[in-house]
Amino acid sequence: MKKNIFVLTALVGAMAWTGCMKENLAPVTPEEEVAAAVDSVWTVSLQAVKSDVPETKGLAIEGEEAATTVLKSIWKAGEEVKVYLGTTCIGTLTATPDGEDAHKATLSGEVTTTGLKEGTTTLTLLTPRESWDYTGQVGTLLETANSIEKMYHYTAATGVLVKTVDTENNAITTEKATFVNQQSIYRLSFRYQTGDTKTGIVAKNVTITTERNKLVQNQSVDGATVTEGAISVTLATPSSDPFFVALRNGDEADEGITFTVVDTENATYKGSKVVPAAYKAGGFVSVKNATLSRLGVGKSATVISTAEGVL
């Protein structure tokens, strides 16, 4: 059975679903709980808006990546939003940004579900993809296929209640959907010191660990199943310039974070930095030119000063 629903929403406001179906739902008695028909395919169109605050979706910068202190929240053409009923992905919406204001966009696509019940059913919306996984990062922030923007900048709106299922007018409405960042983004670059000389490390690979080993490698959409451990990043192009990593940390306290870096000559360097708790939830954290110790020369890992956060 095919139904068309047109929805107006704000990511920081109410999300209302309205529309009409090609076929009528079977009649229900007043005593029955109102629900959408079984095996329904819904065409959905949402109007969405973002604001430049840490809780919203999108990635864009001001100035150069190496020096920016701002991550702006905008929609980009083709950006995807996954829609879940429980832990089941029931469809994908695609963004078409407003031509005059990229904070606004139309999200459109189809979802397939059964038994939506007003006042009971809740939905989860997740970007940018169905698989919630932080492994396989290559250090790039924007544009490329494996960038944080395309693959690792997860935002979610959870517990979005279906308020009404109007079988007479074939309309569904929901309460507001607010999207929240699910990780922090770290900007990293490293150097080592010989005498009074500090030299940039041309990083090829970096492995990141924490004191309490709570970095999320992957998880289910409801968080019930979580795999934790080290995050390893192999740069798309080895460089001493800053690169970017998305980290979701299951620990909320201040914590030491350790970087083990391998350069293009396969030399290994290691050092740690204290990350304040405030930087772990949706922050932008800059760790540029951190001085590491080169292993195998009789030195222990360097303890770096507290991380600089850009919130």
C-alpha atoms as a PDB file:
ATOM      1  CA  MET A   1       0.000   0.000   0.000  1.00  0.00           C
ATOM      2  CA  LYS A   2       1.535   3.338  -1.047  1.00  0.00           C
ATOM      3  CA  LYS A   3       0.997   6.523   0.983  1.00  0.00           C
ATOM      4  CA  ASN A   4       2.355  10.020   0.436  1.00  0.00           C
ATOM      5  CA  ILE A   5       3.247  12.112   3.469  1.00  0.00           C
ATOM      6  CA  PHE A   6       4.608  15.644   3.385  1.00  0.00           C
ATOM      7  CA  VAL A   7       6.331  16.798   6.519  1.00  0.00           C
ATOM      8  CA  LEU A   8       7.472  20.186   7.775  1.00  0.00           C
ATOM      9  CA  THR A   9      10.059  20.147  10.528  1.00  0.00           C
ATOM     10  CA  ALA A  10      12.912  22.010  12.172  1.00  0.00           C
ATOM     11  CA  LEU A  11      15.852  20.084  13.573  1.00  0.00           C
ATOM     12  CA  VAL A  12      15.531  22.354  16.560  1.00  0.00           C
ATOM     13  CA  GLY A  13      11.737  22.571  16.393  1.00  0.00           C
ATOM     14  CA  ALA A  14       8.554  20.632  15.778  1.00  0.00           C
ATOM     15  CA  MET A  15       8.462  18.022  13.033  1.00  0.00           C
ATOM     16  CA  ALA A  16       4.932  17.584  11.595  1.00  0.00           C
ATOM     17  CA  TRP A  17       4.050  14.898   9.057  1.00  0.00           C
ATOM     18  CA  THR A  18       1.051  15.446   6.755  1.00  0.00           C
ATOM     19  CA  GLY A  19      -0.151  14.082   3.409  1.00  0.00           C
ATOM     20  CA  CYS A  20      -2.490  11.697   1.560  1.00  0.00           C
ATOM     21  CA  MET A  21      -2.519   8.038   0.542  1.00  0.00           C
ATOM     22  CA  LYS A  22      -3.527   6.440  -2.712  1.00  0.00           C
ATOM     23  CA  GLU A  23      -5.613   3.855  -0.818  1.00  0.00           C
ATOM     24  CA  ASN A  24      -7.723   4.156   2.323  1.00  0.00           C
ATOM     25  CA  LEU A  25      -6.823   2.405   5.552  1.00  0.00           C
ATOM     26  CA  ALA A  26      -9.226  -0.208   6.898  1.00  0.00           C
ATOM     27  CA  PRO A  27     -11.754   1.378   9.298  1.00  0.00           C
ATOM     28  CA  VAL A  28     -11.154   1.031  13.026  1.00  0.00           C
ATOM     29  CA  THR A  29     -13.521   1.163  15.959  1.00  0.00           C
ATOM     30  CA  PRO A  30     -13.128   3.990  18.526  1.00  0.00           C
ATOM     31  CA  GLU A  31     -11.847   1.459  21.055  1.00  0.00           C
ATOM     32  CA  GLU A  32      -8.955   0.363  18.827  1.00  0.00           C
ATOM     33  CA  GLU A  33      -5.542   2.020  18.992  1.00  0.00           C
ATOM     34  CA  VAL A  34      -5.011   4.049  15.820  1.00  0.00           C
ATOM     35  CA  ALA A  35      -2.135   2.648  13.763  1.00  0.00           C
ATOM     36  CA  ALA A  36      -0.697   2.842  10.266  1.00  0.00           C
ATOM     37  CA  ALA A  37      -1.491  -0.078   7.985  1.00  0.00           C
ATOM     38  CA  VAL A  38       0.808  -3.081   7.646  1.00  0.00           C
ATOM     39  CA  ASP A  39       3.485  -3.072   4.924  1.00  0.00           C
ATOM     40  CA  SER A  40       3.121   0.630   4.132  1.00  0.00           C
ATOM     41  CA  VAL A  41       5.575   2.528   1.916  1.00  0.00           C
ATOM     42  CA  TRP A  42       5.640   6.237   2.749  1.00  0.00           C
ATOM     43  CA  THR A  43       7.037   8.998   0.569  1.00  0.00           C
ATOM     44  CA  VAL A  44       8.390  11.635   2.955  1.00  0.00           C
ATOM     45  CA  SER A  45       9.370  15.278   2.397  1.00  0.00           C
ATOM     46  CA  LEU A  46      10.726  17.295   5.335  1.00  0.00           C
ATOM     47  CA  GLN A  47      11.751  20.932   5.622  1.00  0.00           C
ATOM     48  CA  ALA A  48      14.784  21.045   7.945  1.00  0.00           C
ATOM     49  CA  VAL A  49      16.843  23.821   9.498  1.00  0.00           C
ATOM     50  CA  LYS A  50      20.227  23.940  11.269  1.00  0.00           C
ATOM     51  CA  SER A  51      21.780  26.600  13.465  1.00  0.00           C
ATOM     52  CA  ASP A  52      25.491  27.160  14.157  1.00  0.00           C
ATOM     53  CA  VAL A  53      25.655  25.497  17.575  1.00  0.00           C
ATOM     54  CA  PRO A  54      27.484  22.314  18.652  1.00  0.00           C
ATOM     55  CA  GLU A  55      24.268  20.296  18.841  1.00  0.00           C
ATOM     56  CA  THR A  56      23.439  20.510  15.114  1.00  0.00           C
ATOM     57  CA  LYS A  57      24.305  18.495  11.999  1.00  0.00           C
ATOM     58  CA  GLY A  58      26.647  19.546   9.132  1.00  0.00           C
ATOM     59  CA  LEU A  59      30.281  20.484   8.684  1.00  0.00           C
ATOM     60  CA  ALA A  60      31.866  23.529   7.101  1.00  0.00           C
ATOM     61  CA  ILE A  61      34.783  25.713   8.186  1.00  0.00           C
ATOM     62  CA  GLU A  62      35.857  29.332   8.215  1.00  0.00           C
ATOM     63  CA  GLY A  63      39.294  29.837   6.634  1.00  0.00           C
ATOM     64  CA  GLU A  64      41.883  27.062   6.243  1.00  0.00           C
ATOM     65  CA  GLU A  65      41.507  23.670   7.912  1.00  0.00           C
ATOM     66  CA  ALA A  66      44.845  24.015   9.736  1.00  0.00           C
ATOM     67  CA  ALA A  67      43.804  27.243  11.469  1.00  0.00           C
ATOM     68  CA  THR A  68      40.008  27.275  11.648  1.00  0.00           C
ATOM     69  CA  THR A  69      38.322  27.669  15.018  1.00  0.00           C
ATOM     70  CA  VAL A  70      34.785  27.248  13.641  1.00  0.00           C
ATOM     71  CA  LEU A  71      32.761  24.285  12.420  1.00  0.00           C
ATOM     72  CA  LYS A  72      29.627  25.673  10.770  1.00  0.00           C
ATOM     73  CA  SER A  73      26.422  23.697  10.540  1.00  0.00           C
ATOM     74  CA  ILE A  74      24.935  23.592   7.030  1.00  0.00           C
ATOM     75  CA  TRP A  75      23.204  21.109   4.765  1.00  0.00           C
ATOM     76  CA  LYS A  76      24.908  19.834   1.623  1.00  0.00           C
ATOM     77  CA  ALA A  77      23.328  18.345  -1.485  1.00  0.00           C
ATOM     78  CA  GLY A  78      22.856  14.599  -1.244  1.00  0.00           C
ATOM     79  CA  GLU A  79      23.446  14.409   2.529  1.00  0.00           C
ATOM     80  CA  GLU A  80      21.598  11.382   3.924  1.00  0.00           C
ATOM     81  CA  VAL A  81      19.450  10.900   7.032  1.00  0.00           C
ATOM     82  CA  LYS A  82      18.543   7.368   8.123  1.00  0.00           C
ATOM     83  CA  VAL A  83      15.153   6.768   9.774  1.00  0.00           C
ATOM     84  CA  TYR A  84      14.806   4.011  12.398  1.00  0.00           C
ATOM     85  CA  LEU A  85      11.897   2.297  14.083  1.00  0.00           C
ATOM     86  CA  GLY A  86      13.582   0.627  17.032  1.00  0.00           C
ATOM     87  CA  THR A  87      16.878  -0.678  15.662  1.00  0.00           C
ATOM     88  CA  THR A  88      15.497  -1.294  12.163  1.00  0.00           C
ATOM     89  CA  CYS A  89      16.352   1.201   9.437  1.00  0.00           C
ATOM     90  CA  ILE A  90      13.065   1.864   7.650  1.00  0.00           C
ATOM     91  CA  GLY A  91      14.294   4.367   5.067  1.00  0.00           C
ATOM     92  CA  THR A  92      16.641   7.104   3.902  1.00  0.00           C
ATOM     93  CA  LEU A  93      15.981  10.812   3.422  1.00  0.00           C
ATOM     94  CA  THR A  94      18.209  12.926   1.158  1.00  0.00           C
ATOM     95  CA  ALA A  95      18.961  16.626   1.624  1.00  0.00           C
ATOM     96  CA  THR A  96      18.402  19.331  -0.975  1.00  0.00           C
ATOM     97  CA  PRO A  97      19.719  22.610   0.520  1.00  0.00           C
ATOM     98  CA  ASP A  98      17.789  25.860   0.215  1.00  0.00           C
ATOM     99  CA  GLY A  99      19.315  27.954  -2.566  1.00  0.00           C
ATOM    100  CA  GLU A 100      19.444  31.082  -0.416  1.00  0.00           C
ATOM    101  CA  ASP A 101      20.207  29.668   3.032  1.00  0.00           C
ATOM    102  CA  ALA A 102      22.096  26.371   3.416  1.00  0.00           C
ATOM    103  CA  HIS A 103      20.974  26.159   7.046  1.00  0.00           C
ATOM    104  CA  LYS A 104      17.651  25.052   5.527  1.00  0.00           C
ATOM    105  CA  ALA A 105      16.971  22.020   3.345  1.00  0.00           C
ATOM    106  CA  THR A 106      14.297  19.672   2.088  1.00  0.00           C
ATOM    107  CA  LEU A 107      14.790  16.070   3.222  1.00  0.00           C
ATOM    108  CA  SER A 108      12.967  13.612   1.002  1.00  0.00           C
ATOM    109  CA  GLY A 109      12.779   9.875   0.360  1.00  0.00           C
ATOM    110  CA  GLU A 110      10.783   6.757   1.252  1.00  0.00           C
ATOM    111  CA  VAL A 111      10.348   4.771   4.448  1.00  0.00           C
ATOM    112  CA  THR A 112       8.716   1.367   4.835  1.00  0.00           C
ATOM    113  CA  THR A 113       7.194   0.345   8.169  1.00  0.00           C
ATOM    114  CA  THR A 114       4.310  -1.341   9.948  1.00  0.00           C
ATOM    115  CA  GLY A 115       1.998  -0.514  12.834  1.00  0.00           C
ATOM    116  CA  LEU A 116       2.836   3.092  13.669  1.00  0.00           C
ATOM    117  CA  LYS A 117       0.781   3.945  16.786  1.00  0.00           C
ATOM    118  CA  GLU A 118       0.005   7.471  17.886  1.00  0.00           C
ATOM    119  CA  GLY A 119       1.247   8.427  21.312  1.00  0.00           C
ATOM    120  CA  THR A 120       3.351   5.248  21.496  1.00  0.00           C
ATOM    121  CA  THR A 121       5.699   4.841  18.519  1.00  0.00           C
ATOM    122  CA  THR A 122       9.004   6.688  18.592  1.00  0.00           C
ATOM    123  CA  LEU A 123      11.485   7.166  15.750  1.00  0.00           C
ATOM    124  CA  THR A 124      15.235   7.756  15.618  1.00  0.00           C
ATOM    125  CA  LEU A 125      16.908   9.823  12.881  1.00  0.00           C
ATOM    126  CA  LEU A 126      20.638   9.286  12.265  1.00  0.00           C
ATOM    127  CA  THR A 127      23.194  10.836   9.945  1.00  0.00           C
ATOM    128  CA  PRO A 128      25.305  10.359   7.889  1.00  0.00           C
ATOM    129  CA  ARG A 129      24.945   6.580   7.301  1.00  0.00           C
ATOM    130  CA  GLU A 130      23.321   3.423   8.623  1.00  0.00           C
ATOM    131  CA  SER A 131      26.466   1.754  10.004  1.00  0.00           C
ATOM    132  CA  TRP A 132      27.618   3.540  13.202  1.00  0.00           C
ATOM    133  CA  ASP A 133      31.366   2.885  12.930  1.00  0.00           C
ATOM    134  CA  TYR A 134      34.486   5.001  13.621  1.00  0.00           C
ATOM    135  CA  THR A 135      37.051   2.591  12.172  1.00  0.00           C
ATOM    136  CA  GLY A 136      38.766   3.115   8.816  1.00  0.00           C
ATOM    137  CA  GLN A 137      39.299   6.892   9.102  1.00  0.00           C
ATOM    138  CA  VAL A 138      41.817   8.531   6.755  1.00  0.00           C
ATOM    139  CA  GLY A 139      42.320  11.926   8.427  1.00  0.00           C
ATOM    140  CA  THR A 140      40.316  14.154   6.067  1.00  0.00           C
ATOM    141  CA  LEU A 141      37.582  16.519   7.272  1.00  0.00           C
ATOM    142  CA  LEU A 142      35.569  17.530   4.200  1.00  0.00           C
ATOM    143  CA  GLU A 143      34.575  16.596   0.665  1.00  0.00           C
ATOM    144  CA  THR A 144      36.292  13.217   0.031  1.00  0.00           C
ATOM    145  CA  ALA A 145      34.395   9.923   0.054  1.00  0.00           C
ATOM    146  CA  ASN A 146      36.018   8.732   3.322  1.00  0.00           C
ATOM    147  CA  SER A 147      36.039  12.116   5.074  1.00  0.00           C
ATOM    148  CA  ILE A 148      34.609  12.761   8.525  1.00  0.00           C
ATOM    149  CA  GLU A 149      31.877  14.842   6.904  1.00  0.00           C
ATOM    150  CA  LYS A 150      30.729  11.930   4.720  1.00  0.00           C
ATOM    151  CA  MET A 151      31.319   8.981   7.051  1.00  0.00           C
ATOM    152  CA  TYR A 152      32.009   9.783  10.714  1.00  0.00           C
ATOM    153  CA  HIS A 153      30.187  12.953  11.796  1.00  0.00           C
ATOM    154  CA  TYR A 154      27.212  11.231  13.414  1.00  0.00           C
ATOM    155  CA  THR A 155      24.240  13.190  14.705  1.00  0.00           C
ATOM    156  CA  ALA A 156      21.034  11.694  16.058  1.00  0.00           C
ATOM    157  CA  ALA A 157      17.513  12.699  17.018  1.00  0.00           C
ATOM    158  CA  THR A 158      16.143  10.053  19.382  1.00  0.00           C
ATOM    159  CA  GLY A 159      12.749   9.333  20.914  1.00  0.00           C
ATOM    160  CA  VAL A 160      10.804  11.318  18.300  1.00  0.00           C
ATOM    161  CA  LEU A 161       7.217  10.525  19.305  1.00  0.00           C
ATOM    162  CA  VAL A 162       4.505   9.890  16.705  1.00  0.00           C
ATOM    163  CA  LYS A 163       1.742  12.116  18.101  1.00  0.00           C
ATOM    164  CA  THR A 164      -1.132  11.374  15.708  1.00  0.00           C
ATOM    165  CA  VAL A 165      -2.024   8.884  13.006  1.00  0.00           C
ATOM    166  CA  ASP A 166      -4.959  10.463  11.162  1.00  0.00           C
ATOM    167  CA  THR A 167      -6.524   7.690   9.066  1.00  0.00           C
ATOM    168  CA  GLU A 168      -9.250   9.956   7.688  1.00  0.00           C
ATOM    169  CA  ASN A 169      -6.816  12.509   6.260  1.00  0.00           C
ATOM    170  CA  ASN A 170      -3.930  10.048   5.889  1.00  0.00           C
ATOM    171  CA  ALA A 171      -1.634  12.223   8.011  1.00  0.00           C
ATOM    172  CA  ILE A 172       0.980  11.599  10.679  1.00  0.00           C
ATOM    173  CA  THR A 173       2.440  14.193  13.044  1.00  0.00           C
ATOM    174  CA  THR A 174       5.382  13.899  15.421  1.00  0.00           C
ATOM    175  CA  GLU A 175       6.860  15.917  18.241  1.00  0.00           C
ATOM    176  CA  LYS A 176       9.985  18.003  17.644  1.00  0.00           C
ATOM    177  CA  ALA A 177      13.201  16.295  16.517  1.00  0.00           C
ATOM    178  CA  THR A 178      16.455  17.725  17.888  1.00  0.00           C
ATOM    179  CA  PHE A 179      19.729  16.459  16.384  1.00  0.00           C
ATOM    180  CA  VAL A 180      22.768  16.148  18.680  1.00  0.00           C
ATOM    181  CA  ASN A 181      26.424  15.509  17.777  1.00  0.00           C
ATOM    182  CA  GLN A 182      27.613  12.073  18.875  1.00  0.00           C
ATOM    183  CA  GLN A 183      31.399  12.625  18.949  1.00  0.00           C
ATOM    184  CA  SER A 184      34.167  15.216  19.128  1.00  0.00           C
ATOM    185  CA  ILE A 185      36.398  16.118  16.204  1.00  0.00           C
ATOM    186  CA  TYR A 186      40.138  16.338  16.885  1.00  0.00           C
ATOM    187  CA  ARG A 187      42.634  18.268  14.755  1.00  0.00           C
ATOM    188  CA  LEU A 188      46.065  16.656  15.166  1.00  0.00           C
ATOM    189  CA  SER A 189      49.684  17.246  14.137  1.00  0.00           C
ATOM    190  CA  PHE A 190      52.912  16.102  15.768  1.00  0.00           C
ATOM    191  CA  ARG A 191      56.615  16.853  16.062  1.00  0.00           C
ATOM    192  CA  TYR A 192      59.652  15.515  17.905  1.00  0.00           C
ATOM    193  CA  GLN A 193      62.560  17.323  19.517  1.00  0.00           C
ATOM    194  CA  THR A 194      66.304  16.784  19.042  1.00  0.00           C
ATOM    195  CA  GLY A 195      68.285  19.146  21.243  1.00  0.00           C
ATOM    196  CA  ASP A 196      66.699  22.546  20.729  1.00  0.00           C
ATOM    197  CA  THR A 197      65.283  21.632  17.331  1.00  0.00           C
ATOM    198  CA  LYS A 198      61.671  20.571  16.854  1.00  0.00           C
ATOM    199  CA  THR A 199      60.835  18.758  13.633  1.00  0.00           C
ATOM    200  CA  GLY A 200      57.417  17.970  12.217  1.00  0.00           C
ATOM    201  CA  ILE A 201      56.556  14.269  12.020  1.00  0.00           C
ATOM    202  CA  VAL A 202      55.375  13.181   8.574  1.00  0.00           C
ATOM    203  CA  ALA A 203      52.647  10.958   9.958  1.00  0.00           C
ATOM    204  CA  LYS A 204      51.566   7.867   8.059  1.00  0.00           C
ATOM    205  CA  ASN A 205      49.505   6.202  10.770  1.00  0.00           C
ATOM    206  CA  VAL A 206      48.299   7.154  14.259  1.00  0.00           C
ATOM    207  CA  THR A 207      46.805   4.853  16.874  1.00  0.00           C
ATOM    208  CA  ILE A 208      44.763   6.565  19.590  1.00  0.00           C
ATOM    209  CA  THR A 209      44.032   5.048  23.009  1.00  0.00           C
ATOM    210  CA  THR A 210      42.688   6.375  26.311  1.00  0.00           C
ATOM    211  CA  GLU A 211      43.365   5.591  29.962  1.00  0.00           C
ATOM    212  CA  ARG A 212      40.058   3.814  30.506  1.00  0.00           C
ATOM    213  CA  ASN A 213      39.831   2.291  27.015  1.00  0.00           C
ATOM    214  CA  LYS A 214      36.344   3.638  26.273  1.00  0.00           C
ATOM    215  CA  LEU A 215      36.784   4.906  22.715  1.00  0.00           C
ATOM    216  CA  VAL A 216      33.885   3.620  20.607  1.00  0.00           C
ATOM    217  CA  GLN A 217      34.857   1.657  17.512  1.00  0.00           C
ATOM    218  CA  ASN A 218      31.272   0.850  16.535  1.00  0.00           C
ATOM    219  CA  GLN A 219      27.834   0.540  18.100  1.00  0.00           C
ATOM    220  CA  SER A 220      24.194  -0.236  17.403  1.00  0.00           C
ATOM    221  CA  VAL A 221      21.811   2.659  16.835  1.00  0.00           C
ATOM    222  CA  ASP A 222      20.286   2.252  20.312  1.00  0.00           C
ATOM    223  CA  GLY A 223      23.694   1.919  22.003  1.00  0.00           C
ATOM    224  CA  ALA A 224      22.842  -1.518  23.418  1.00  0.00           C
ATOM    225  CA  THR A 225      25.797  -3.129  21.622  1.00  0.00           C
ATOM    226  CA  VAL A 226      29.114  -1.256  21.740  1.00  0.00           C
ATOM    227  CA  THR A 227      32.640  -2.281  20.705  1.00  0.00           C
ATOM    228  CA  GLU A 228      35.360  -0.222  22.401  1.00  0.00           C
ATOM    229  CA  GLY A 229      39.108   0.011  21.833  1.00  0.00           C
ATOM    230  CA  ALA A 230      41.866   1.824  19.983  1.00  0.00           C
ATOM    231  CA  ILE A 231      41.121   3.969  16.930  1.00  0.00           C
ATOM    232  CA  SER A 232      43.718   3.626  14.166  1.00  0.00           C
ATOM    233  CA  VAL A 233      43.914   6.217  11.388  1.00  0.00           C
ATOM    234  CA  THR A 234      45.900   5.662   8.185  1.00  0.00           C
ATOM    235  CA  LEU A 235      46.291   8.995   6.445  1.00  0.00           C
ATOM    236  CA  ALA A 236      45.195   9.212   2.830  1.00  0.00           C
ATOM    237  CA  THR A 237      48.425  11.152   2.192  1.00  0.00           C
ATOM    238  CA  PRO A 238      51.234  11.086   4.810  1.00  0.00           C
ATOM    239  CA  SER A 239      51.902  14.620   6.023  1.00  0.00           C
ATOM    240  CA  SER A 240      53.218  16.782   8.850  1.00  0.00           C
ATOM    241  CA  ASP A 241      50.204  19.080   8.343  1.00  0.00           C
ATOM    242  CA  PRO A 242      47.172  18.869  10.649  1.00  0.00           C
ATOM    243  CA  PHE A 243      44.662  16.086  10.010  1.00  0.00           C
ATOM    244  CA  PHE A 244      41.311  15.213  11.608  1.00  0.00           C
ATOM    245  CA  VAL A 245      39.850  12.328  13.632  1.00  0.00           C
ATOM    246  CA  ALA A 246      36.316  11.775  14.969  1.00  0.00           C
ATOM    247  CA  LEU A 247      36.321  10.226  18.465  1.00  0.00           C
ATOM    248  CA  ARG A 248      33.355   9.072  20.544  1.00  0.00           C
ATOM    249  CA  ASN A 249      34.404   8.464  24.137  1.00  0.00           C
ATOM    250  CA  GLY A 250      32.233   6.444  26.504  1.00  0.00           C
ATOM    251  CA  ASP A 251      33.978   7.991  29.525  1.00  0.00           C
ATOM    252  CA  GLU A 252      32.845  11.448  30.637  1.00  0.00           C
ATOM    253  CA  ALA A 253      35.666  12.406  33.044  1.00  0.00           C
ATOM    254  CA  ASP A 254      38.988  14.165  32.406  1.00  0.00           C
ATOM    255  CA  GLU A 255      41.286  11.587  30.860  1.00  0.00           C
ATOM    256  CA  GLY A 256      44.697  11.053  29.318  1.00  0.00           C
ATOM    257  CA  ILE A 257      44.707  10.263  25.607  1.00  0.00           C
ATOM    258  CA  THR A 258      47.770   8.615  24.031  1.00  0.00           C
ATOM    259  CA  PHE A 259      48.962   8.963  20.432  1.00  0.00           C
ATOM    260  CA  THR A 260      51.279   6.415  18.823  1.00  0.00           C
ATOM    261  CA  VAL A 261      52.477   7.740  15.473  1.00  0.00           C
ATOM    262  CA  VAL A 262      54.371   5.958  12.684  1.00  0.00           C
ATOM    263  CA  ASP A 263      56.111   8.130  10.072  1.00  0.00           C
ATOM    264  CA  THR A 264      56.995   7.439   6.441  1.00  0.00           C
ATOM    265  CA  GLU A 265      60.327   5.882   7.488  1.00  0.00           C
ATOM    266  CA  ASN A 266      58.484   3.560   9.920  1.00  0.00           C
ATOM    267  CA  ALA A 267      59.905   5.310  12.978  1.00  0.00           C
ATOM    268  CA  THR A 268      57.512   5.267  15.937  1.00  0.00           C
ATOM    269  CA  TYR A 269      56.681   8.164  18.282  1.00  0.00           C
ATOM    270  CA  LYS A 270      54.489   8.290  21.361  1.00  0.00           C
ATOM    271  CA  GLY A 271      52.994  10.874  23.697  1.00  0.00           C
ATOM    272  CA  SER A 272      49.900  11.668  25.739  1.00  0.00           C
ATOM    273  CA  LYS A 273      47.632  14.609  26.469  1.00  0.00           C
ATOM    274  CA  VAL A 274      44.999  15.273  29.106  1.00  0.00           C
ATOM    275  CA  VAL A 275      41.570  15.898  27.573  1.00  0.00           C
ATOM    276  CA  PRO A 276      39.059  17.740  29.810  1.00  0.00           C
ATOM    277  CA  ALA A 277      35.611  16.177  30.145  1.00  0.00           C
ATOM    278  CA  ALA A 278      33.946  19.215  28.535  1.00  0.00           C
ATOM    279  CA  TYR A 279      35.701  18.502  25.222  1.00  0.00           C
ATOM    280  CA  LYS A 280      34.408  14.939  24.891  1.00  0.00           C
ATOM    281  CA  ALA A 281      30.785  15.682  24.024  1.00  0.00           C
ATOM    282  CA  GLY A 282      30.430  17.317  20.626  1.00  0.00           C
ATOM    283  CA  GLY A 283      33.506  19.547  20.887  1.00  0.00           C
ATOM    284  CA  PHE A 284      36.167  20.641  18.391  1.00  0.00           C
ATOM    285  CA  VAL A 285      39.553  19.877  19.973  1.00  0.00           C
ATOM    286  CA  SER A 286      42.862  21.179  18.613  1.00  0.00           C
ATOM    287  CA  VAL A 287      46.044  19.217  19.352  1.00  0.00           C
ATOM    288  CA  LYS A 288      48.494  20.851  16.953  1.00  0.00           C
ATOM    289  CA  ASN A 289      52.290  20.439  17.044  1.00  0.00           C
ATOM    290  CA  ALA A 290      52.200  18.085  20.022  1.00  0.00           C
ATOM    291  CA  THR A 291      55.756  16.998  20.852  1.00  0.00           C
ATOM    292  CA  LEU A 292      56.190  13.223  21.041  1.00  0.00           C
ATOM    293  CA  SER A 293      59.094  11.013  22.068  1.00  0.00           C
ATOM    294  CA  ARG A 294      60.741   8.794  19.498  1.00  0.00           C
ATOM    295  CA  LEU A 295      60.649   5.216  20.760  1.00  0.00           C
ATOM    296  CA  GLY A 296      63.735   3.048  20.948  1.00  0.00           C
ATOM    297  CA  VAL A 297      66.047   5.804  22.191  1.00  0.00           C
ATOM    298  CA  GLY A 298      65.584   5.246  25.903  1.00  0.00           C
ATOM    299  CA  LYS A 299      62.829   7.782  26.569  1.00  0.00           C
ATOM    300  CA  SER A 300      59.375   7.279  27.991  1.00  0.00           C
ATOM    301  CA  ALA A 301      56.269   8.688  26.372  1.00  0.00           C
ATOM    302  CA  THR A 302      56.036  12.480  26.657  1.00  0.00           C
ATOM    303  CA  VAL A 303      53.185  13.922  28.713  1.00  0.00           C
ATOM    304  CA  ILE A 304      51.796  16.853  26.755  1.00  0.00           C
ATOM    305  CA  SER A 305      49.927  19.762  28.325  1.00  0.00           C
ATOM    306  CA  THR A 306      46.133  19.863  28.519  1.00  0.00           C
ATOM    307  CA  ALA A 307      44.316  19.788  25.167  1.00  0.00           C
ATOM    308  CA  GLU A 308      43.098  23.036  23.648  1.00  0.00           C
ATOM    309  CA  GLY A 309      39.370  22.924  22.963  1.00  0.00           C
ATOM    310  CA  VAL A 310      37.408  24.927  20.440  1.00  0.00           C
ATOM    311  CA  LEU A 311      33.794  24.568  21.586  1.00  0.00           C
END
